[in-house]
C-alpha cells in the first residue's frame, strides 16, 4: 500500500510538472513567442550551432511546409499559420527577418524566422505554404534561393520580443496574489545570505505610428495596477518593411518584389572547405570517382578557404542523388547554388 501511494504521488507530481512546462513554452498563453537562439543540437546525426548571425547571406535549396502543422507551436513559442510569411531555419535567431529570392524567376519576399528546420539534407530554409506560393514554387516543392538576413529589422523585432517577454512576466507577477501566511507554523529567523559580487552588465526611417490600445470597460483594480507598473510592451514593427502587428508580433506583408538575378543557375555539391590546400586536394582526388570535382578559392570574413565541389548538376533531383553519394565520403557535404 505504501509503495502504491508513493507511485501515485510521483505520477501526480509528474503531471503537474508537464502542465507547468507546457504553459511556460506558450509565452503565458499569448502566442507571441519569445526571443530565442538556443544551444547546439543534433538531428539525424547532424549537429547545428544556432547563433545571432546578422551577416547571414547564403544560397541553396528551399522547401516549404504547412499541412499538419497549422496551429502548432513553433520553436520559439509562436503559433504556426501557413497563410503567413514565416519560415524555419536551423541556426538563425528567432525571431528574425530574411529576404528570400527565387533564383529561377527573381521573385522575392521577406519572411519571419520563427521555427527550427529544415532537417532534410541539402535544404537551407523551410518556408510557409503562402511564402512558397508567392515565390512560385508551391507545385515543384523546392527552389534555388538566396537567403539574406535583414540586420537592422531583425535586431528591432528581436529587441521587441525580449522586452515584451519581460513585460508580460511583470504583468503576470502583478496579477498573481501573494501566498497567504494563514495557518503556517512560525519559523525562526532566516540566516543572512552572503553578499553578492557586483557584475557589470543595438533609427529606423518613416512608417506609421503605433496604434493606441483601447481601454477595457470597467477593468478590475488589479489589472489597472499591473498595467501601470509593468513596462510598456513595445510595438515590434520594423518600419522599413511593410507588414502588420498581430498580438505583439510583426508579420511581413505578402508583397513580392521582382529582383534582378545574376547567376544562381548552377547547382553544386560542396563537400568541404579547408584553410589548408593539401586537405582540399586530398578530398578532391577521392571525389573524382563520383563526379567532376574541383577546387575553388574564396575569402570569408578574413579567412582564405579552398572549397571542394562536385558538379554542376541541372536539377534539384539530381543534386539530391549526388549529395547522397558524396555524404558517404564527406559528412559535411551540402547543396550550394551559384
Protein backbone atom coordinates (compact mmCIF):
# COMPACT_ATOMS: atom_id res chain seq x y z
CA UNK A 1 0.00 0.00 0.00
CA UNK A 2 2.80 2.42 0.89
CA UNK A 3 4.52 1.75 -2.44
CA UNK A 4 1.20 2.31 -4.24
CA UNK A 5 0.76 5.68 -2.52
CA UNK A 6 4.31 6.73 -3.36
CA UNK A 7 3.83 5.83 -7.03
CA UNK A 8 0.52 7.72 -7.14
CA UNK A 9 2.14 10.80 -5.59
CA UNK A 10 5.02 10.65 -8.09
CA UNK A 11 2.57 10.42 -11.00
CA UNK A 12 0.64 13.46 -9.78
CA UNK A 13 3.85 15.48 -9.45
CA UNK A 14 4.94 14.41 -12.91
CA UNK A 15 1.66 15.50 -14.48
CA UNK A 16 1.82 18.82 -12.67
CA UNK A 17 5.34 19.42 -13.94
CA UNK A 18 4.30 18.65 -17.53
CA UNK A 19 1.39 21.06 -17.24
CA UNK A 20 3.67 23.81 -15.96
CA UNK A 21 6.21 23.24 -18.72
CA UNK A 22 3.51 23.40 -21.40
CA UNK A 23 2.25 26.74 -20.09
CA UNK A 24 5.74 28.22 -19.99
CA UNK A 25 6.55 27.30 -23.59
CA UNK A 26 3.38 29.05 -24.72
CA UNK A 27 4.63 32.51 -23.74
CA UNK A 28 1.99 32.96 -20.99
CA UNK A 29 -0.67 31.84 -23.43
CA UNK A 30 -0.36 34.86 -25.74
CA UNK A 31 1.10 33.01 -28.75
CA UNK A 32 3.53 35.90 -29.24
CA UNK A 33 6.56 33.71 -28.58
CA UNK A 34 9.90 34.85 -27.27
CA UNK A 35 13.38 35.72 -28.48
CA UNK A 36 15.39 32.54 -28.76
CA UNK A 37 18.72 31.40 -30.15
CA UNK A 38 19.26 28.14 -28.32
CA UNK A 39 22.11 25.73 -27.71
CA UNK A 40 23.80 23.41 -30.22
CA UNK A 41 21.60 20.42 -31.06
CA UNK A 42 21.76 17.29 -33.21
CA UNK A 43 19.19 15.84 -35.61
CA UNK A 44 19.75 12.68 -37.66
CA UNK A 45 23.46 12.76 -36.91
CA UNK A 46 23.90 16.41 -37.95
CA UNK A 47 24.88 19.00 -35.33
CA UNK A 48 23.62 22.57 -35.67
CA UNK A 49 25.05 25.63 -33.92
CA UNK A 50 22.45 28.43 -33.54
CA UNK A 51 23.83 31.96 -33.23
CA UNK A 52 22.99 35.62 -33.77
CA UNK A 53 24.46 35.98 -37.26
CA UNK A 54 23.31 39.32 -38.70
CA UNK A 55 25.61 38.97 -41.72
CA UNK A 56 23.97 35.76 -42.97
CA UNK A 57 23.78 35.52 -46.78
CA UNK A 58 23.56 32.05 -48.33
CA UNK A 59 22.34 30.34 -51.49
CA UNK A 60 20.86 26.86 -51.61
CA UNK A 61 17.64 24.92 -51.89
CA UNK A 62 14.39 25.93 -50.17
CA UNK A 63 11.44 23.71 -49.34
CA UNK A 64 8.05 24.50 -47.79
CA UNK A 65 5.79 23.08 -45.09
CA UNK A 66 2.26 23.65 -43.86
CA UNK A 67 -0.17 20.71 -43.85
CA UNK A 68 -0.30 19.11 -40.43
CA UNK A 69 1.44 21.99 -38.64
CA UNK A 70 -1.34 24.62 -38.63
CA UNK A 71 -1.95 25.85 -35.08
CA UNK A 72 1.06 24.14 -33.56
CA UNK A 73 3.72 25.93 -31.54
CA UNK A 74 6.90 26.91 -33.33
CA UNK A 75 10.34 26.53 -31.78
CA UNK A 76 10.11 29.95 -30.09
CA UNK A 77 6.53 29.54 -28.86
CA UNK A 78 4.60 31.30 -31.63
CA UNK A 79 1.56 29.71 -33.28
CA UNK A 80 2.26 28.43 -36.80
CA UNK A 81 -0.02 29.77 -39.54
CA UNK A 82 0.73 28.50 -43.08
CA UNK A 83 -1.01 31.55 -44.57
CA UNK A 84 1.53 33.98 -43.07
CA UNK A 85 5.06 34.71 -44.36
CA UNK A 86 7.17 32.73 -41.92
CA UNK A 87 9.96 30.18 -42.17
CA UNK A 88 12.09 27.68 -40.31
CA UNK A 89 15.87 27.93 -40.25
CA UNK A 90 18.30 25.65 -38.41
CA UNK A 91 20.53 28.33 -36.83
CA UNK A 92 19.30 31.93 -37.22
CA UNK A 93 17.86 33.76 -34.19
CA UNK A 94 14.10 33.67 -33.63
CA UNK A 95 12.53 36.00 -34.47
CA UNK A 96 14.49 37.50 -37.35
CA UNK A 97 13.60 38.75 -40.83
CA UNK A 98 15.19 37.43 -44.02
CA UNK A 99 14.71 38.21 -47.70
CA UNK A 100 14.24 35.05 -49.76
CA UNK A 101 14.75 35.34 -53.53
CA UNK A 102 13.84 32.62 -56.02
CA UNK A 103 16.90 32.46 -58.27
CA UNK A 104 14.87 30.95 -61.15
CA UNK A 105 12.28 33.74 -61.50
CA UNK A 106 13.59 36.67 -59.41
CA UNK A 107 10.53 36.75 -57.13
CA UNK A 108 11.47 37.86 -53.62
CA UNK A 109 9.65 38.15 -50.28
CA UNK A 110 10.52 38.96 -46.67
CA UNK A 111 9.68 36.25 -44.14
CA UNK A 112 9.86 35.94 -40.36
CA UNK A 113 12.07 33.18 -38.93
CA UNK A 114 10.18 31.63 -36.01
CA UNK A 115 10.93 27.91 -36.20
CA UNK A 116 13.74 25.37 -36.48
CA UNK A 117 14.36 23.25 -39.59
CA UNK A 118 14.57 22.04 -42.27
CA UNK A 119 16.40 18.86 -41.35
CA UNK A 120 16.30 17.25 -44.81
CA UNK A 121 19.76 17.01 -46.36
CA UNK A 122 20.52 19.78 -48.81
CA UNK A 123 17.87 22.31 -47.69
CA UNK A 124 18.75 25.67 -46.13
CA UNK A 125 15.28 27.04 -45.30
CA UNK A 126 11.74 25.70 -44.90
CA UNK A 127 9.10 28.27 -45.88
CA UNK A 128 5.41 28.50 -45.05
CA UNK A 129 2.99 27.43 -47.77
CA UNK A 130 1.98 31.05 -48.51
CA UNK A 131 5.62 32.07 -48.90
CA UNK A 132 6.18 29.24 -51.39
CA UNK A 133 3.10 30.33 -53.34
CA UNK A 134 4.35 33.90 -53.66
CA UNK A 135 7.82 32.74 -54.67
CA UNK A 136 6.33 30.44 -57.31
CA UNK A 137 7.45 27.01 -56.17
CA UNK A 138 4.49 25.55 -54.29
CA UNK A 139 3.98 22.99 -57.09
CA UNK A 140 7.58 21.81 -57.53
CA UNK A 141 8.13 21.83 -53.77
CA UNK A 142 11.70 23.15 -53.92
CA UNK A 143 13.54 26.10 -55.45
CA UNK A 144 17.01 27.55 -55.75
CA UNK A 145 17.07 30.56 -53.45
CA UNK A 146 19.21 33.21 -51.88
CA UNK A 147 18.54 33.92 -48.20
CA UNK A 148 19.77 37.24 -46.81
CA UNK A 149 19.11 38.42 -43.28
CA UNK A 150 17.87 42.00 -42.75
CA UNK A 151 20.11 43.03 -39.84
CA UNK A 152 18.52 46.28 -38.67
CA UNK A 153 14.96 44.99 -38.91
CA UNK A 154 15.90 41.68 -37.29
CA UNK A 155 17.53 43.40 -34.33
CA UNK A 156 14.43 45.60 -33.98
CA UNK A 157 11.96 42.72 -33.68
CA UNK A 158 14.40 40.73 -31.53
CA UNK A 159 14.64 43.63 -29.07
CA UNK A 160 10.85 43.96 -29.05
CA UNK A 161 10.47 40.24 -28.33
CA UNK A 162 12.88 40.48 -25.41
CA UNK A 163 11.09 43.49 -23.91
CA UNK A 164 7.63 42.02 -24.50
CA UNK A 165 8.51 38.80 -22.71
CA UNK A 166 9.91 40.72 -19.72
CA UNK A 167 6.84 42.97 -19.65
CA UNK A 168 4.45 40.02 -19.75
CA UNK A 169 6.39 38.46 -16.88
CA UNK A 170 5.92 41.56 -14.73
CA UNK A 171 2.22 41.71 -15.59
CA UNK A 172 1.71 38.08 -14.62
CA UNK A 173 3.58 38.64 -11.37
CA UNK A 174 1.39 41.64 -10.54
CA UNK A 175 -1.81 39.71 -11.29
CA UNK A 176 -0.79 36.75 -9.13
CA UNK A 177 -1.86 37.23 -5.48
CA UNK A 178 0.82 36.64 -2.85
CA UNK A 179 0.56 33.39 -0.89
CA UNK A 180 -1.37 33.60 2.34
CA UNK A 181 0.56 33.14 5.56
CA UNK A 182 -2.50 31.86 7.43
CA UNK A 183 -2.19 28.54 9.22
CA UNK A 184 1.56 28.47 8.67
CA UNK A 185 3.73 27.47 11.64
CA UNK A 186 6.16 30.09 12.96
CA UNK A 187 9.69 29.83 11.74
CA UNK A 188 12.98 31.02 13.10
CA UNK A 189 14.90 33.96 11.74
CA UNK A 190 16.36 33.13 8.33
CA UNK A 191 20.15 33.28 8.02
CA UNK A 192 21.51 36.30 6.20
CA UNK A 193 22.78 35.46 2.70
CA UNK A 194 26.38 36.12 1.78
CA UNK A 195 26.89 39.41 -0.09
CA UNK A 196 26.74 39.02 -3.86
CA UNK A 197 29.62 40.06 -6.10
CA UNK A 198 28.95 43.01 -8.36
CA UNK A 199 28.55 42.09 -12.02
CA UNK A 200 28.79 44.61 -14.82
CA UNK A 201 26.26 44.20 -17.02
CA UNK A 202 21.99 47.60 -30.89
CA UNK A 203 16.76 54.95 -36.19
CA UNK A 204 14.54 53.32 -38.50
CA UNK A 205 13.12 55.64 -41.14
CA UNK A 206 9.49 56.54 -41.80
CA UNK A 207 6.39 54.49 -41.08
CA UNK A 208 3.10 54.94 -39.31
CA UNK A 209 2.99 55.50 -35.54
CA UNK A 210 1.86 52.56 -33.42
CA UNK A 211 -1.87 52.37 -32.84
CA UNK A 212 -3.20 53.23 -29.39
CA UNK A 213 -4.69 50.44 -27.32
CA UNK A 214 -8.39 50.86 -26.43
CA UNK A 215 -9.21 50.80 -22.69
CA UNK A 216 -11.24 47.92 -21.30
CA UNK A 217 -14.60 48.92 -19.88
CA UNK A 218 -14.57 48.77 -16.08
CA UNK A 219 -11.30 46.85 -15.72
CA UNK A 220 -10.62 45.15 -12.38
CA UNK A 221 -8.45 47.07 -9.97
CA UNK A 222 -5.60 44.58 -10.07
CA UNK A 223 -5.47 44.78 -13.89
CA UNK A 224 -5.15 48.58 -13.76
CA UNK A 225 -2.37 48.30 -11.21
CA UNK A 226 -0.49 45.76 -13.33
CA UNK A 227 -0.77 47.93 -16.43
CA UNK A 228 0.53 50.94 -14.54
CA UNK A 229 3.51 49.17 -13.01
CA UNK A 230 4.55 46.90 -15.90
CA UNK A 231 6.92 48.12 -18.60
CA UNK A 232 5.24 49.10 -21.84
CA UNK A 233 5.16 46.26 -24.39
CA UNK A 234 6.85 47.74 -27.46
CA UNK A 235 5.47 47.83 -30.99
CA UNK A 236 7.79 45.43 -32.83
CA UNK A 237 7.05 46.81 -36.29
CA UNK A 238 10.27 47.45 -38.26
CA UNK A 239 9.20 50.49 -40.22
CA UNK A 240 11.32 49.72 -43.30
CA UNK A 241 9.38 46.52 -44.06
CA UNK A 242 5.63 46.53 -44.87
CA UNK A 243 3.63 44.35 -42.53
CA UNK A 244 1.25 44.16 -39.60
CA UNK A 245 1.41 43.75 -35.83
CA UNK A 246 -0.68 40.80 -34.66
CA UNK A 247 -0.84 40.01 -30.94
CA UNK A 248 2.56 41.56 -30.36
CA UNK A 249 4.44 40.02 -33.29
CA UNK A 250 5.40 41.58 -36.62
CA UNK A 251 4.29 39.67 -39.74
CA UNK A 252 5.65 40.78 -43.14
CA UNK A 253 3.11 41.80 -45.77
CA UNK A 254 2.57 39.38 -48.69
CA UNK A 255 4.36 41.67 -51.12
CA UNK A 256 6.51 40.26 -53.93
CA UNK A 257 9.49 42.24 -55.12
CA UNK A 258 10.96 41.44 -58.52
CA UNK A 259 14.72 41.19 -58.21
CA UNK A 260 17.33 41.18 -60.95
CA UNK A 261 19.05 37.81 -60.69
CA UNK A 262 22.57 37.25 -61.94
CA UNK A 263 23.90 33.73 -61.65
CA UNK A 264 22.21 31.31 -59.33
CA UNK A 265 21.59 28.80 -62.10
CA UNK A 266 24.20 26.16 -61.35
CA UNK A 267 23.87 23.62 -58.55
CA UNK A 268 26.91 22.06 -56.91
CA UNK A 269 27.60 19.72 -54.05
CA UNK A 270 30.12 21.38 -51.76
CA UNK A 271 31.92 18.57 -50.00
CA UNK A 272 34.09 20.71 -47.75
CA UNK A 273 36.00 23.95 -47.23
CA UNK A 274 39.57 23.99 -45.94
CA UNK A 275 42.11 26.60 -44.95
CA UNK A 276 44.90 24.16 -45.89
CA UNK A 277 45.09 23.49 -49.64
CA UNK A 278 46.59 20.00 -49.28
CA UNK A 279 43.49 18.83 -47.39
CA UNK A 280 41.27 20.11 -50.19
CA UNK A 281 43.38 18.31 -52.80
CA UNK A 282 43.07 15.00 -50.94
CA UNK A 283 39.28 15.26 -50.76
CA UNK A 284 39.03 16.31 -54.43
CA UNK A 285 41.01 13.26 -55.52
CA UNK A 286 38.67 10.97 -53.57
CA UNK A 287 35.55 12.58 -55.06
CA UNK A 288 36.71 12.31 -58.68
CA UNK A 289 35.50 8.70 -58.56
CA UNK A 290 31.96 10.05 -58.00
CA UNK A 291 31.89 13.02 -60.36
CA UNK A 292 33.81 16.03 -61.64
CA UNK A 293 35.37 17.55 -58.51
CA UNK A 294 37.06 20.96 -58.48
CA UNK A 295 38.66 23.35 -56.01
CA UNK A 296 37.62 27.00 -55.85
CA UNK A 297 39.06 29.67 -53.58
CA UNK A 298 37.15 32.20 -51.51
CA UNK A 299 37.75 34.69 -48.71
CA UNK A 300 35.17 34.58 -45.94
CA UNK A 301 35.40 37.09 -43.09
CA UNK A 302 39.15 37.42 -43.48
CA UNK A 303 39.92 33.71 -43.86
CA UNK A 304 41.05 32.14 -47.14
CA UNK A 305 39.26 28.87 -47.95
CA UNK A 306 39.70 26.14 -50.55
CA UNK A 307 36.25 24.79 -51.43
CA UNK A 308 35.84 21.30 -52.86
CA UNK A 309 32.79 20.95 -55.11
CA UNK A 310 31.24 18.29 -57.32
CA UNK A 311 29.10 19.30 -60.30
CA UNK A 312 27.35 21.22 -61.62
CA UNK A 313 24.08 19.33 -61.98
CA UNK A 314 20.95 20.51 -63.79
CA UNK A 315 18.18 19.93 -61.24
CA UNK A 316 17.39 19.66 -57.54
CA UNK A 317 16.51 15.99 -58.04
CA UNK A 318 19.95 15.26 -59.49
CA UNK A 319 21.55 17.26 -56.69
CA UNK A 320 19.74 15.20 -54.05
CA UNK A 321 21.02 11.96 -55.59
CA UNK A 322 24.58 13.26 -55.91
CA UNK A 323 24.53 14.62 -52.36
CA UNK A 324 23.60 11.18 -51.02
CA UNK A 325 26.69 9.73 -52.71
CA UNK A 326 29.06 12.49 -51.61
CA UNK A 327 27.91 12.19 -48.00
CA UNK A 328 29.48 8.75 -48.00
CA UNK A 329 32.88 10.44 -48.36
CA UNK A 330 32.29 13.75 -46.57
CA UNK A 331 29.66 14.15 -43.86
CA UNK A 332 29.86 17.96 -44.21
CA UNK A 333 28.60 17.94 -47.81
CA UNK A 334 25.75 20.27 -48.75
CA UNK A 335 23.99 21.65 -51.82
CA UNK A 336 25.04 25.12 -52.94
CA UNK A 337 23.95 27.37 -55.80
CA UNK A 338 25.94 29.93 -57.77
